[in-house]
Amino acid sequence: MGQAAVSVLRHEEFPAAKLLEAKGEQRVSVVIPARDEEASVGAVVARVIADWVEAVALVDEVVVIDSDSVDATSRQAREAGATVYAAGQIRPDLGLAQGKGEALWKAMHVVRGDVLVFIDADLVEWGGHFVSGLLGPLLTDTDIQLVKAVYDRPMLAADGHEEEQGGRVTELVARPLIALHWPQLRGIVQPLSGEWAIRRRVLAELPMPTGYGVEIAALIDVAERFGSGAIAQVDLGRRAHRHHRHDTLGPMAVQVLAAAEARLGQHSAARPAEVVELVQYGPGTEDFAPRPRRVDIGERPPAASVPGYRGPAAGRVPT
């Protein structure tokens, strides 16, 4: 089998002047999904606004979708300059779900951009070039539909020191799935990277898992509709984020597997509120007491198929 025809570009290839010229009349939205990220979301928002709204007018809006935070995430984001929406207050007539994918799907009903850049809220070591790097291929090449980030990805423990490289769910779940079923995507370095960009009209036509399966679903769906050549990768250098406890990785893995299975036709996509029970066992108990967790593996239908979807100007309900 030949190598997958997906190139890796460098963020330095896309200087601001080049992007401003290529942008034309297109609108750009940076979307930051967040849940209980008061420690970092303000700095993320502030960096994007300083670099790409104030210093260079490349980004038209910075939007934070707050998913039921119980801390000061919304306040920190708003004070840093973002437009903040509570996920549950966006199109409540469509029902409620939880998860990262749900936040991104709800964003489709409120943001104005023709090009969407998704940035995680828990970044602690990164740069404003993440935005320009992800935008570059979309603004300069009309054949590109989706851009995925590539980076050195150390994990930080609670005290700030580096642990092993991140990407455990990638190595144990996503990459084996790709090897078995989508070999044309073998060249994707980080299929589950939380930093990516896509044309709005493309994403609006795709079903979206409500949880952590959203990244692999978009990757597979774009490849199957447009071919792997429609996907670009950009090396962004270094990205550090806080460590996820190992017991939180099980639900993530379930959601990635469910999204992949849906795309293999093993069950139908666009399941609005389906859950499965994942049973885990913690150390240090004599009877190995089970710890069940309900994991949402539902999917939202393509946003463009939803009655009342009006595209870039739809349903703005800031909190």
C-alpha atoms as a PDB file:
ATOM      1  CA  MET A   1       0.000   0.000   0.000  1.00  0.00           C
ATOM      2  CA  GLY A   2       1.275   3.470  -0.901  1.00  0.00           C
ATOM      3  CA  GLN A   3       1.643   6.380   1.419  1.00  0.00           C
ATOM      4  CA  ALA A   4      -1.387   8.595   2.058  1.00  0.00           C
ATOM      5  CA  ALA A   5      -1.243  11.754  -0.059  1.00  0.00           C
ATOM      6  CA  VAL A   6      -1.577  14.260   2.771  1.00  0.00           C
ATOM      7  CA  SER A   7       1.122  16.905   3.103  1.00  0.00           C
ATOM      8  CA  VAL A   8       2.425  18.556   6.271  1.00  0.00           C
ATOM      9  CA  LEU A   9       2.908  22.300   5.923  1.00  0.00           C
ATOM     10  CA  ARG A  10       4.632  24.781   8.230  1.00  0.00           C
ATOM     11  CA  HIS A  11       2.802  27.641   9.871  1.00  0.00           C
ATOM     12  CA  GLU A  12       5.561  30.026   8.716  1.00  0.00           C
ATOM     13  CA  GLU A  13       4.323  29.531   5.149  1.00  0.00           C
ATOM     14  CA  PHE A  14       1.304  31.712   5.931  1.00  0.00           C
ATOM     15  CA  PRO A  15       2.353  35.239   6.932  1.00  0.00           C
ATOM     16  CA  ALA A  16      -0.345  37.707   7.919  1.00  0.00           C
ATOM     17  CA  ALA A  17      -0.127  39.804   4.756  1.00  0.00           C
ATOM     18  CA  LYS A  18      -0.629  36.745   2.573  1.00  0.00           C
ATOM     19  CA  LEU A  19      -3.657  35.632   4.563  1.00  0.00           C
ATOM     20  CA  LEU A  20      -5.276  39.060   4.616  1.00  0.00           C
ATOM     21  CA  GLU A  21      -5.021  39.252   0.843  1.00  0.00           C
ATOM     22  CA  ALA A  22      -6.397  35.731   0.408  1.00  0.00           C
ATOM     23  CA  LYS A  23      -9.239  36.239   2.869  1.00  0.00           C
ATOM     24  CA  GLY A  24     -11.148  38.685   0.698  1.00  0.00           C
ATOM     25  CA  GLU A  25     -14.776  38.927   1.771  1.00  0.00           C
ATOM     26  CA  GLN A  26     -14.734  35.698   3.774  1.00  0.00           C
ATOM     27  CA  ARG A  27     -15.541  35.924   7.466  1.00  0.00           C
ATOM     28  CA  VAL A  28     -13.498  34.013  10.026  1.00  0.00           C
ATOM     29  CA  SER A  29     -14.749  32.761  13.383  1.00  0.00           C
ATOM     30  CA  VAL A  30     -12.535  31.318  16.097  1.00  0.00           C
ATOM     31  CA  VAL A  31     -14.616  28.973  18.257  1.00  0.00           C
ATOM     32  CA  ILE A  32     -13.447  27.850  21.697  1.00  0.00           C
ATOM     33  CA  PRO A  33     -15.514  25.116  23.389  1.00  0.00           C
ATOM     34  CA  ALA A  34     -15.052  25.227  27.150  1.00  0.00           C
ATOM     35  CA  ARG A  35     -16.216  23.513  30.298  1.00  0.00           C
ATOM     36  CA  ASP A  36     -14.754  24.498  33.672  1.00  0.00           C
ATOM     37  CA  GLU A  37     -11.663  26.081  32.120  1.00  0.00           C
ATOM     38  CA  GLU A  38     -11.476  29.284  34.182  1.00  0.00           C
ATOM     39  CA  ALA A  39      -7.731  28.851  34.669  1.00  0.00           C
ATOM     40  CA  SER A  40      -6.843  29.098  30.983  1.00  0.00           C
ATOM     41  CA  VAL A  41      -9.737  30.244  28.782  1.00  0.00           C
ATOM     42  CA  GLY A  42      -9.154  33.959  29.421  1.00  0.00           C
ATOM     43  CA  ALA A  43      -5.543  33.769  28.282  1.00  0.00           C
ATOM     44  CA  VAL A  44      -6.525  31.803  25.165  1.00  0.00           C
ATOM     45  CA  VAL A  45      -9.162  34.364  24.225  1.00  0.00           C
ATOM     46  CA  ALA A  46      -6.866  37.300  24.954  1.00  0.00           C
ATOM     47  CA  ARG A  47      -4.085  35.921  22.762  1.00  0.00           C
ATOM     48  CA  VAL A  48      -6.382  35.363  19.782  1.00  0.00           C
ATOM     49  CA  ILE A  49      -7.916  38.825  20.071  1.00  0.00           C
ATOM     50  CA  ALA A  50      -4.581  40.598  20.552  1.00  0.00           C
ATOM     51  CA  ASP A  51      -2.929  38.863  17.589  1.00  0.00           C
ATOM     52  CA  TRP A  52      -5.746  38.441  15.072  1.00  0.00           C
ATOM     53  CA  VAL A  53      -8.450  40.989  15.870  1.00  0.00           C
ATOM     54  CA  GLU A  54      -6.477  44.001  17.128  1.00  0.00           C
ATOM     55  CA  ALA A  55      -2.973  43.699  15.658  1.00  0.00           C
ATOM     56  CA  VAL A  56      -4.111  42.088  12.401  1.00  0.00           C
ATOM     57  CA  ALA A  57      -7.764  42.121  11.338  1.00  0.00           C
ATOM     58  CA  LEU A  58      -7.891  38.506  10.201  1.00  0.00           C
ATOM     59  CA  VAL A  59     -10.483  37.146  12.651  1.00  0.00           C
ATOM     60  CA  ASP A  60     -13.995  38.593  12.674  1.00  0.00           C
ATOM     61  CA  GLU A  61     -15.207  37.098  15.950  1.00  0.00           C
ATOM     62  CA  VAL A  62     -13.967  35.024  18.876  1.00  0.00           C
ATOM     63  CA  VAL A  63     -16.727  32.875  20.350  1.00  0.00           C
ATOM     64  CA  VAL A  64     -16.663  30.738  23.484  1.00  0.00           C
ATOM     65  CA  ILE A  65     -19.320  28.033  23.810  1.00  0.00           C
ATOM     66  CA  ASP A  66     -19.674  27.298  27.519  1.00  0.00           C
ATOM     67  CA  SER A  67     -20.869  23.768  28.223  1.00  0.00           C
ATOM     68  CA  ASP A  68     -22.471  23.901  31.661  1.00  0.00           C
ATOM     69  CA  SER A  69     -19.424  25.233  33.501  1.00  0.00           C
ATOM     70  CA  VAL A  70     -19.782  25.522  37.274  1.00  0.00           C
ATOM     71  CA  ASP A  71     -16.767  27.809  37.627  1.00  0.00           C
ATOM     72  CA  ALA A  72     -15.965  31.263  36.238  1.00  0.00           C
ATOM     73  CA  THR A  73     -15.289  30.134  32.663  1.00  0.00           C
ATOM     74  CA  SER A  74     -17.943  32.386  31.134  1.00  0.00           C
ATOM     75  CA  ARG A  75     -16.872  35.439  33.116  1.00  0.00           C
ATOM     76  CA  GLN A  76     -13.193  34.967  32.348  1.00  0.00           C
ATOM     77  CA  ALA A  77     -13.897  34.518  28.637  1.00  0.00           C
ATOM     78  CA  ARG A  78     -16.193  37.531  28.479  1.00  0.00           C
ATOM     79  CA  GLU A  79     -13.782  39.771  30.344  1.00  0.00           C
ATOM     80  CA  ALA A  80     -11.036  38.745  27.911  1.00  0.00           C
ATOM     81  CA  GLY A  81     -13.199  39.939  25.022  1.00  0.00           C
ATOM     82  CA  ALA A  82     -14.982  36.862  23.694  1.00  0.00           C
ATOM     83  CA  THR A  83     -18.633  36.606  22.816  1.00  0.00           C
ATOM     84  CA  VAL A  84     -19.906  33.902  25.145  1.00  0.00           C
ATOM     85  CA  TYR A  85     -22.854  31.568  24.646  1.00  0.00           C
ATOM     86  CA  ALA A  86     -24.220  28.914  26.953  1.00  0.00           C
ATOM     87  CA  ALA A  87     -24.575  25.775  24.867  1.00  0.00           C
ATOM     88  CA  GLY A  88     -27.895  24.921  26.497  1.00  0.00           C
ATOM     89  CA  GLN A  89     -29.385  28.288  25.542  1.00  0.00           C
ATOM     90  CA  ILE A  90     -28.617  27.928  21.831  1.00  0.00           C
ATOM     91  CA  ARG A  91     -31.638  26.494  20.013  1.00  0.00           C
ATOM     92  CA  PRO A  92     -33.125  24.859  23.141  1.00  0.00           C
ATOM     93  CA  ASP A  93     -35.986  23.716  20.920  1.00  0.00           C
ATOM     94  CA  LEU A  94     -33.596  21.122  19.483  1.00  0.00           C
ATOM     95  CA  GLY A  95     -33.063  19.428  22.834  1.00  0.00           C
ATOM     96  CA  LEU A  96     -30.060  19.248  25.106  1.00  0.00           C
ATOM     97  CA  ALA A  97     -26.924  17.129  25.011  1.00  0.00           C
ATOM     98  CA  GLN A  98     -23.487  17.368  26.566  1.00  0.00           C
ATOM     99  CA  GLY A  99     -20.026  17.136  25.139  1.00  0.00           C
ATOM    100  CA  LYS A 100     -17.462  18.851  22.972  1.00  0.00           C
ATOM    101  CA  GLY A 101     -19.175  17.924  19.726  1.00  0.00           C
ATOM    102  CA  GLU A 102     -22.445  19.334  21.017  1.00  0.00           C
ATOM    103  CA  ALA A 103     -20.710  22.651  21.705  1.00  0.00           C
ATOM    104  CA  LEU A 104     -19.305  22.771  18.175  1.00  0.00           C
ATOM    105  CA  TRP A 105     -22.672  21.838  16.647  1.00  0.00           C
ATOM    106  CA  LYS A 106     -24.445  24.513  18.674  1.00  0.00           C
ATOM    107  CA  ALA A 107     -21.808  27.000  17.516  1.00  0.00           C
ATOM    108  CA  MET A 108     -22.984  26.417  13.950  1.00  0.00           C
ATOM    109  CA  HIS A 109     -26.251  28.132  14.897  1.00  0.00           C
ATOM    110  CA  VAL A 110     -24.691  31.332  16.244  1.00  0.00           C
ATOM    111  CA  VAL A 111     -21.343  32.109  14.608  1.00  0.00           C
ATOM    112  CA  ARG A 112     -21.040  34.342  11.534  1.00  0.00           C
ATOM    113  CA  GLY A 113     -17.944  32.884   9.915  1.00  0.00           C
ATOM    114  CA  ASP A 114     -17.549  31.263   6.519  1.00  0.00           C
ATOM    115  CA  VAL A 115     -14.371  29.641   7.827  1.00  0.00           C
ATOM    116  CA  LEU A 116     -14.268  28.163  11.334  1.00  0.00           C
ATOM    117  CA  VAL A 117     -11.196  27.644  13.497  1.00  0.00           C
ATOM    118  CA  PHE A 118     -11.567  25.456  16.596  1.00  0.00           C
ATOM    119  CA  ILE A 119      -9.175  25.977  19.512  1.00  0.00           C
ATOM    120  CA  ASP A 120      -9.310  24.118  22.828  1.00  0.00           C
ATOM    121  CA  ALA A 121      -9.695  26.183  26.002  1.00  0.00           C
ATOM    122  CA  ASP A 122      -7.119  24.290  28.086  1.00  0.00           C
ATOM    123  CA  LEU A 123      -3.987  25.377  26.199  1.00  0.00           C
ATOM    124  CA  VAL A 124      -1.162  26.563  28.415  1.00  0.00           C
ATOM    125  CA  GLU A 125       1.770  26.572  25.979  1.00  0.00           C
ATOM    126  CA  TRP A 126       0.938  27.634  22.446  1.00  0.00           C
ATOM    127  CA  GLY A 127       1.081  30.652  20.159  1.00  0.00           C
ATOM    128  CA  GLY A 128      -1.127  32.928  18.125  1.00  0.00           C
ATOM    129  CA  HIS A 129       0.328  31.291  15.019  1.00  0.00           C
ATOM    130  CA  PHE A 130      -2.061  28.397  15.709  1.00  0.00           C
ATOM    131  CA  VAL A 131      -4.823  30.527  14.175  1.00  0.00           C
ATOM    132  CA  SER A 132      -2.915  31.688  11.112  1.00  0.00           C
ATOM    133  CA  GLY A 133      -1.443  28.243  10.539  1.00  0.00           C
ATOM    134  CA  LEU A 134      -4.837  26.544  10.551  1.00  0.00           C
ATOM    135  CA  LEU A 135      -6.392  29.229   8.365  1.00  0.00           C
ATOM    136  CA  GLY A 136      -3.580  29.284   5.830  1.00  0.00           C
ATOM    137  CA  PRO A 137      -4.468  26.295   3.625  1.00  0.00           C
ATOM    138  CA  LEU A 138      -8.189  27.137   3.635  1.00  0.00           C
ATOM    139  CA  LEU A 139      -7.670  30.741   2.606  1.00  0.00           C
ATOM    140  CA  THR A 140      -5.016  30.048  -0.019  1.00  0.00           C
ATOM    141  CA  ASP A 141      -6.191  26.782  -1.613  1.00  0.00           C
ATOM    142  CA  THR A 142      -9.815  26.310  -2.661  1.00  0.00           C
ATOM    143  CA  ASP A 143      -9.367  22.535  -2.857  1.00  0.00           C
ATOM    144  CA  ILE A 144      -8.695  22.242   0.884  1.00  0.00           C
ATOM    145  CA  GLN A 145     -11.771  21.667   3.038  1.00  0.00           C
ATOM    146  CA  LEU A 146     -10.292  20.668   6.416  1.00  0.00           C
ATOM    147  CA  VAL A 147      -7.032  21.516   8.192  1.00  0.00           C
ATOM    148  CA  LYS A 148      -5.632  19.508  11.090  1.00  0.00           C
ATOM    149  CA  ALA A 149      -2.983  20.661  13.534  1.00  0.00           C
ATOM    150  CA  VAL A 150       0.284  18.824  14.013  1.00  0.00           C
ATOM    151  CA  TYR A 151       2.422  19.604  17.050  1.00  0.00           C
ATOM    152  CA  ASP A 152       4.786  18.351  19.709  1.00  0.00           C
ATOM    153  CA  ARG A 153       2.360  17.500  22.495  1.00  0.00           C
ATOM    154  CA  PRO A 154       3.773  17.123  26.009  1.00  0.00           C
ATOM    155  CA  MET A 155       1.331  16.582  28.846  1.00  0.00           C
ATOM    156  CA  LEU A 156       1.643  18.668  31.981  1.00  0.00           C
ATOM    157  CA  ALA A 157       0.977  17.247  35.429  1.00  0.00           C
ATOM    158  CA  ALA A 158      -0.858  19.286  38.057  1.00  0.00           C
ATOM    159  CA  ASP A 159       2.441  20.769  39.276  1.00  0.00           C
ATOM    160  CA  GLY A 160       3.377  21.863  35.753  1.00  0.00           C
ATOM    161  CA  HIS A 161       6.166  19.384  34.984  1.00  0.00           C
ATOM    162  CA  GLU A 162       6.170  17.441  31.728  1.00  0.00           C
ATOM    163  CA  GLU A 163       5.036  13.850  31.658  1.00  0.00           C
ATOM    164  CA  GLU A 164       4.810  11.557  28.636  1.00  0.00           C
ATOM    165  CA  GLN A 165       3.618  12.770  25.281  1.00  0.00           C
ATOM    166  CA  GLY A 166      -0.136  13.125  24.904  1.00  0.00           C
ATOM    167  CA  GLY A 167      -2.292  11.239  22.463  1.00  0.00           C
ATOM    168  CA  ARG A 168      -3.013   8.009  24.327  1.00  0.00           C
ATOM    169  CA  VAL A 169      -6.490   7.633  22.834  1.00  0.00           C
ATOM    170  CA  THR A 170      -4.991   8.392  19.419  1.00  0.00           C
ATOM    171  CA  GLU A 171      -2.410   5.617  19.688  1.00  0.00           C
ATOM    172  CA  LEU A 172      -4.687   2.989  21.251  1.00  0.00           C
ATOM    173  CA  VAL A 173      -7.945   3.727  19.424  1.00  0.00           C
ATOM    174  CA  ALA A 174      -7.896   6.213  16.543  1.00  0.00           C
ATOM    175  CA  ARG A 175      -4.749   5.089  14.750  1.00  0.00           C
ATOM    176  CA  PRO A 176      -5.662   1.383  14.849  1.00  0.00           C
ATOM    177  CA  LEU A 177      -9.131   2.236  13.484  1.00  0.00           C
ATOM    178  CA  ILE A 178      -7.554   4.178  10.628  1.00  0.00           C
ATOM    179  CA  ALA A 179      -5.155   1.330   9.873  1.00  0.00           C
ATOM    180  CA  LEU A 180      -8.039  -1.152   9.668  1.00  0.00           C
ATOM    181  CA  HIS A 181     -10.687   0.858   7.862  1.00  0.00           C
ATOM    182  CA  TRP A 182      -9.379   4.152   6.430  1.00  0.00           C
ATOM    183  CA  PRO A 183      -5.817   3.509   5.246  1.00  0.00           C
ATOM    184  CA  GLN A 184      -6.019   6.621   3.054  1.00  0.00           C
ATOM    185  CA  LEU A 185      -5.775   8.581   6.332  1.00  0.00           C
ATOM    186  CA  ARG A 186      -2.566   6.918   7.585  1.00  0.00           C
ATOM    187  CA  GLY A 187      -0.710  10.121   6.830  1.00  0.00           C
ATOM    188  CA  ILE A 188      -2.701  12.085   9.410  1.00  0.00           C
ATOM    189  CA  VAL A 189      -0.280  12.668  12.256  1.00  0.00           C
ATOM    190  CA  GLN A 190      -2.800  13.663  14.936  1.00  0.00           C
ATOM    191  CA  PRO A 191      -6.313  12.627  13.896  1.00  0.00           C
ATOM    192  CA  LEU A 192      -7.849  13.680  17.229  1.00  0.00           C
ATOM    193  CA  SER A 193      -6.142  17.050  17.560  1.00  0.00           C
ATOM    194  CA  GLY A 194      -8.480  19.583  19.126  1.00  0.00           C
ATOM    195  CA  GLU A 195      -7.167  22.381  16.930  1.00  0.00           C
ATOM    196  CA  TRP A 196      -8.588  22.277  13.419  1.00  0.00           C
ATOM    197  CA  ALA A 197     -10.293  24.450  10.832  1.00  0.00           C
ATOM    198  CA  ILE A 198     -12.972  23.782   8.257  1.00  0.00           C
ATOM    199  CA  ARG A 199     -15.184  25.534   5.745  1.00  0.00           C
ATOM    200  CA  ARG A 200     -18.541  26.231   7.327  1.00  0.00           C
ATOM    201  CA  ARG A 201     -20.560  25.050   4.340  1.00  0.00           C
ATOM    202  CA  VAL A 202     -18.796  21.665   4.558  1.00  0.00           C
ATOM    203  CA  LEU A 203     -19.302  21.194   8.293  1.00  0.00           C
ATOM    204  CA  ALA A 204     -22.957  22.191   7.982  1.00  0.00           C
ATOM    205  CA  GLU A 205     -23.524  19.128   5.782  1.00  0.00           C
ATOM    206  CA  LEU A 206     -21.960  16.627   8.195  1.00  0.00           C
ATOM    207  CA  PRO A 207     -23.544  14.779  11.138  1.00  0.00           C
ATOM    208  CA  MET A 208     -21.661  15.534  14.346  1.00  0.00           C
ATOM    209  CA  PRO A 209     -21.142  13.305  17.383  1.00  0.00           C
ATOM    210  CA  THR A 210     -21.975  15.164  20.567  1.00  0.00           C
ATOM    211  CA  GLY A 211     -18.849  14.017  22.402  1.00  0.00           C
ATOM    212  CA  TYR A 212     -15.158  13.464  21.706  1.00  0.00           C
ATOM    213  CA  GLY A 213     -15.896  11.556  18.512  1.00  0.00           C
ATOM    214  CA  VAL A 214     -16.377  14.856  16.669  1.00  0.00           C
ATOM    215  CA  GLU A 215     -12.783  15.128  15.414  1.00  0.00           C
ATOM    216  CA  ILE A 216     -12.468  11.651  13.926  1.00  0.00           C
ATOM    217  CA  ALA A 217     -15.979  11.919  12.474  1.00  0.00           C
ATOM    218  CA  ALA A 218     -15.167  15.148  10.633  1.00  0.00           C
ATOM    219  CA  LEU A 219     -11.886  13.684   9.395  1.00  0.00           C
ATOM    220  CA  ILE A 220     -13.513  10.531   8.009  1.00  0.00           C
ATOM    221  CA  ASP A 221     -16.523  12.331   6.560  1.00  0.00           C
ATOM    222  CA  VAL A 222     -14.439  14.923   4.729  1.00  0.00           C
ATOM    223  CA  ALA A 223     -12.102  12.250   3.356  1.00  0.00           C
ATOM    224  CA  GLU A 224     -15.000  10.135   2.112  1.00  0.00           C
ATOM    225  CA  ARG A 225     -16.771  13.107   0.484  1.00  0.00           C
ATOM    226  CA  PHE A 226     -13.809  14.966  -0.978  1.00  0.00           C
ATOM    227  CA  GLY A 227     -10.856  12.561  -0.829  1.00  0.00           C
ATOM    228  CA  SER A 228      -7.836  12.734   1.465  1.00  0.00           C
ATOM    229  CA  GLY A 229      -6.329  15.412  -0.762  1.00  0.00           C
ATOM    230  CA  ALA A 230      -8.907  17.850   0.625  1.00  0.00           C
ATOM    231  CA  ILE A 231      -7.252  17.583   4.059  1.00  0.00           C
ATOM    232  CA  ALA A 232      -4.169  19.609   4.944  1.00  0.00           C
ATOM    233  CA  GLN A 233      -1.939  19.404   7.987  1.00  0.00           C
ATOM    234  CA  VAL A 234       0.055  22.255   9.473  1.00  0.00           C
ATOM    235  CA  ASP A 235       2.931  21.869  11.912  1.00  0.00           C
ATOM    236  CA  LEU A 236       2.286  24.350  14.711  1.00  0.00           C
ATOM    237  CA  GLY A 237       5.325  23.513  16.824  1.00  0.00           C
ATOM    238  CA  ARG A 238       4.541  22.886  20.485  1.00  0.00           C
ATOM    239  CA  ARG A 239       1.234  22.554  22.298  1.00  0.00           C
ATOM    240  CA  ALA A 240       0.966  21.749  25.988  1.00  0.00           C
ATOM    241  CA  HIS A 241      -2.197  21.063  27.918  1.00  0.00           C
ATOM    242  CA  ARG A 242      -3.143  19.739  31.290  1.00  0.00           C
ATOM    243  CA  HIS A 243      -3.001  16.037  32.017  1.00  0.00           C
ATOM    244  CA  HIS A 244      -6.189  13.972  31.756  1.00  0.00           C
ATOM    245  CA  ARG A 245      -6.506  11.258  34.393  1.00  0.00           C
ATOM    246  CA  HIS A 246      -6.361   7.797  32.892  1.00  0.00           C
ATOM    247  CA  ASP A 247      -9.907   6.956  33.989  1.00  0.00           C
ATOM    248  CA  THR A 248     -11.289   9.832  31.902  1.00  0.00           C
ATOM    249  CA  LEU A 249      -9.828   8.316  28.742  1.00  0.00           C
ATOM    250  CA  GLY A 250     -12.276   5.390  28.688  1.00  0.00           C
ATOM    251  CA  PRO A 251     -15.335   7.535  27.897  1.00  0.00           C
ATOM    252  CA  MET A 252     -13.328   9.395  25.250  1.00  0.00           C
ATOM    253  CA  ALA A 253     -12.336   6.106  23.650  1.00  0.00           C
ATOM    254  CA  VAL A 254     -15.943   4.884  23.653  1.00  0.00           C
ATOM    255  CA  GLN A 255     -17.061   8.027  21.848  1.00  0.00           C
ATOM    256  CA  VAL A 256     -14.289   7.757  19.244  1.00  0.00           C
ATOM    257  CA  LEU A 257     -15.144   4.101  18.621  1.00  0.00           C
ATOM    258  CA  ALA A 258     -18.868   4.867  18.355  1.00  0.00           C
ATOM    259  CA  ALA A 259     -18.262   7.620  15.795  1.00  0.00           C
ATOM    260  CA  ALA A 260     -16.103   5.294  13.723  1.00  0.00           C
ATOM    261  CA  GLU A 261     -18.652   2.459  13.905  1.00  0.00           C
ATOM    262  CA  ALA A 262     -21.393   4.796  12.734  1.00  0.00           C
ATOM    263  CA  ARG A 263     -19.298   5.591   9.679  1.00  0.00           C
ATOM    264  CA  LEU A 264     -18.741   1.914   9.010  1.00  0.00           C
ATOM    265  CA  GLY A 265     -22.508   1.466   8.806  1.00  0.00           C
ATOM    266  CA  GLN A 266     -22.744  -0.745  11.872  1.00  0.00           C
ATOM    267  CA  HIS A 267     -25.506   1.482  13.185  1.00  0.00           C
ATOM    268  CA  SER A 268     -27.115   4.637  11.897  1.00  0.00           C
ATOM    269  CA  ALA A 269     -25.599   8.052  12.418  1.00  0.00           C
ATOM    270  CA  ALA A 270     -27.517  11.058  13.787  1.00  0.00           C
ATOM    271  CA  ARG A 271     -28.572   9.369  17.038  1.00  0.00           C
ATOM    272  CA  PRO A 272     -29.775  12.305  19.155  1.00  0.00           C
ATOM    273  CA  ALA A 273     -29.484  10.965  22.722  1.00  0.00           C
ATOM    274  CA  GLU A 274     -28.121   7.441  22.817  1.00  0.00           C
ATOM    275  CA  VAL A 275     -25.999   6.406  25.778  1.00  0.00           C
ATOM    276  CA  VAL A 276     -24.031   3.337  26.745  1.00  0.00           C
ATOM    277  CA  GLU A 277     -22.743   2.295  30.146  1.00  0.00           C
ATOM    278  CA  LEU A 278     -19.005   1.982  30.587  1.00  0.00           C
ATOM    279  CA  VAL A 279     -17.992   0.075  33.722  1.00  0.00           C
ATOM    280  CA  GLN A 280     -14.563   0.819  35.159  1.00  0.00           C
ATOM    281  CA  TYR A 281     -12.810  -0.505  38.250  1.00  0.00           C
ATOM    282  CA  GLY A 282     -10.531   1.465  40.519  1.00  0.00           C
ATOM    283  CA  PRO A 283      -7.530   0.132  42.438  1.00  0.00           C
ATOM    284  CA  GLY A 284      -7.426  -0.295  46.198  1.00  0.00           C
ATOM    285  CA  THR A 285     -10.823  -1.884  46.784  1.00  0.00           C
ATOM    286  CA  GLU A 286     -11.088  -5.423  48.102  1.00  0.00           C
ATOM    287  CA  ASP A 287     -14.234  -6.229  46.193  1.00  0.00           C
ATOM    288  CA  PHE A 288     -13.297  -4.454  42.940  1.00  0.00           C
ATOM    289  CA  ALA A 289     -16.382  -2.311  43.162  1.00  0.00           C
ATOM    290  CA  PRO A 290     -17.600  -1.284  39.714  1.00  0.00           C
ATOM    291  CA  ARG A 291     -17.802   2.382  38.754  1.00  0.00           C
ATOM    292  CA  PRO A 292     -20.337   2.690  35.949  1.00  0.00           C
ATOM    293  CA  ARG A 293     -20.404   5.773  33.737  1.00  0.00           C
ATOM    294  CA  ARG A 294     -23.038   6.780  31.240  1.00  0.00           C
ATOM    295  CA  VAL A 295     -21.366   7.797  27.995  1.00  0.00           C
ATOM    296  CA  ASP A 296     -23.268   9.755  25.371  1.00  0.00           C
ATOM    297  CA  ILE A 297     -22.619   8.415  21.874  1.00  0.00           C
ATOM    298  CA  GLY A 298     -25.408  10.363  20.202  1.00  0.00           C
ATOM    299  CA  GLU A 299     -24.976  12.376  17.029  1.00  0.00           C
ATOM    300  CA  ARG A 300     -26.569  15.546  15.800  1.00  0.00           C
ATOM    301  CA  PRO A 301     -27.822  15.684  12.216  1.00  0.00           C
ATOM    302  CA  PRO A 302     -26.159  18.024   9.722  1.00  0.00           C
ATOM    303  CA  ALA A 303     -26.858  21.568  10.892  1.00  0.00           C
ATOM    304  CA  ALA A 304     -28.014  22.566   7.415  1.00  0.00           C
ATOM    305  CA  SER A 305     -30.771  19.945   7.610  1.00  0.00           C
ATOM    306  CA  VAL A 306     -32.267  21.382  10.799  1.00  0.00           C
ATOM    307  CA  PRO A 307     -35.436  23.472  10.348  1.00  0.00           C
ATOM    308  CA  GLY A 308     -34.646  27.083  11.122  1.00  0.00           C
ATOM    309  CA  TYR A 309     -30.926  26.855  10.354  1.00  0.00           C
ATOM    310  CA  ARG A 310     -30.096  30.152   8.709  1.00  0.00           C
ATOM    311  CA  GLY A 311     -26.387  29.853   8.220  1.00  0.00           C
ATOM    312  CA  PRO A 312     -23.912  32.473   9.391  1.00  0.00           C
ATOM    313  CA  ALA A 313     -26.401  34.826  11.091  1.00  0.00           C
ATOM    314  CA  ALA A 314     -28.664  32.302  12.830  1.00  0.00           C
ATOM    315  CA  GLY A 315     -29.974  32.448  16.394  1.00  0.00           C
ATOM    316  CA  ARG A 316     -27.495  34.576  18.337  1.00  0.00           C
ATOM    317  CA  VAL A 317     -28.257  34.261  22.070  1.00  0.00           C
ATOM    318  CA  PRO A 318     -25.177  35.433  24.021  1.00  0.00           C
ATOM    319  CA  THR A 319     -25.145  34.923  27.769  1.00  0.00           C
END
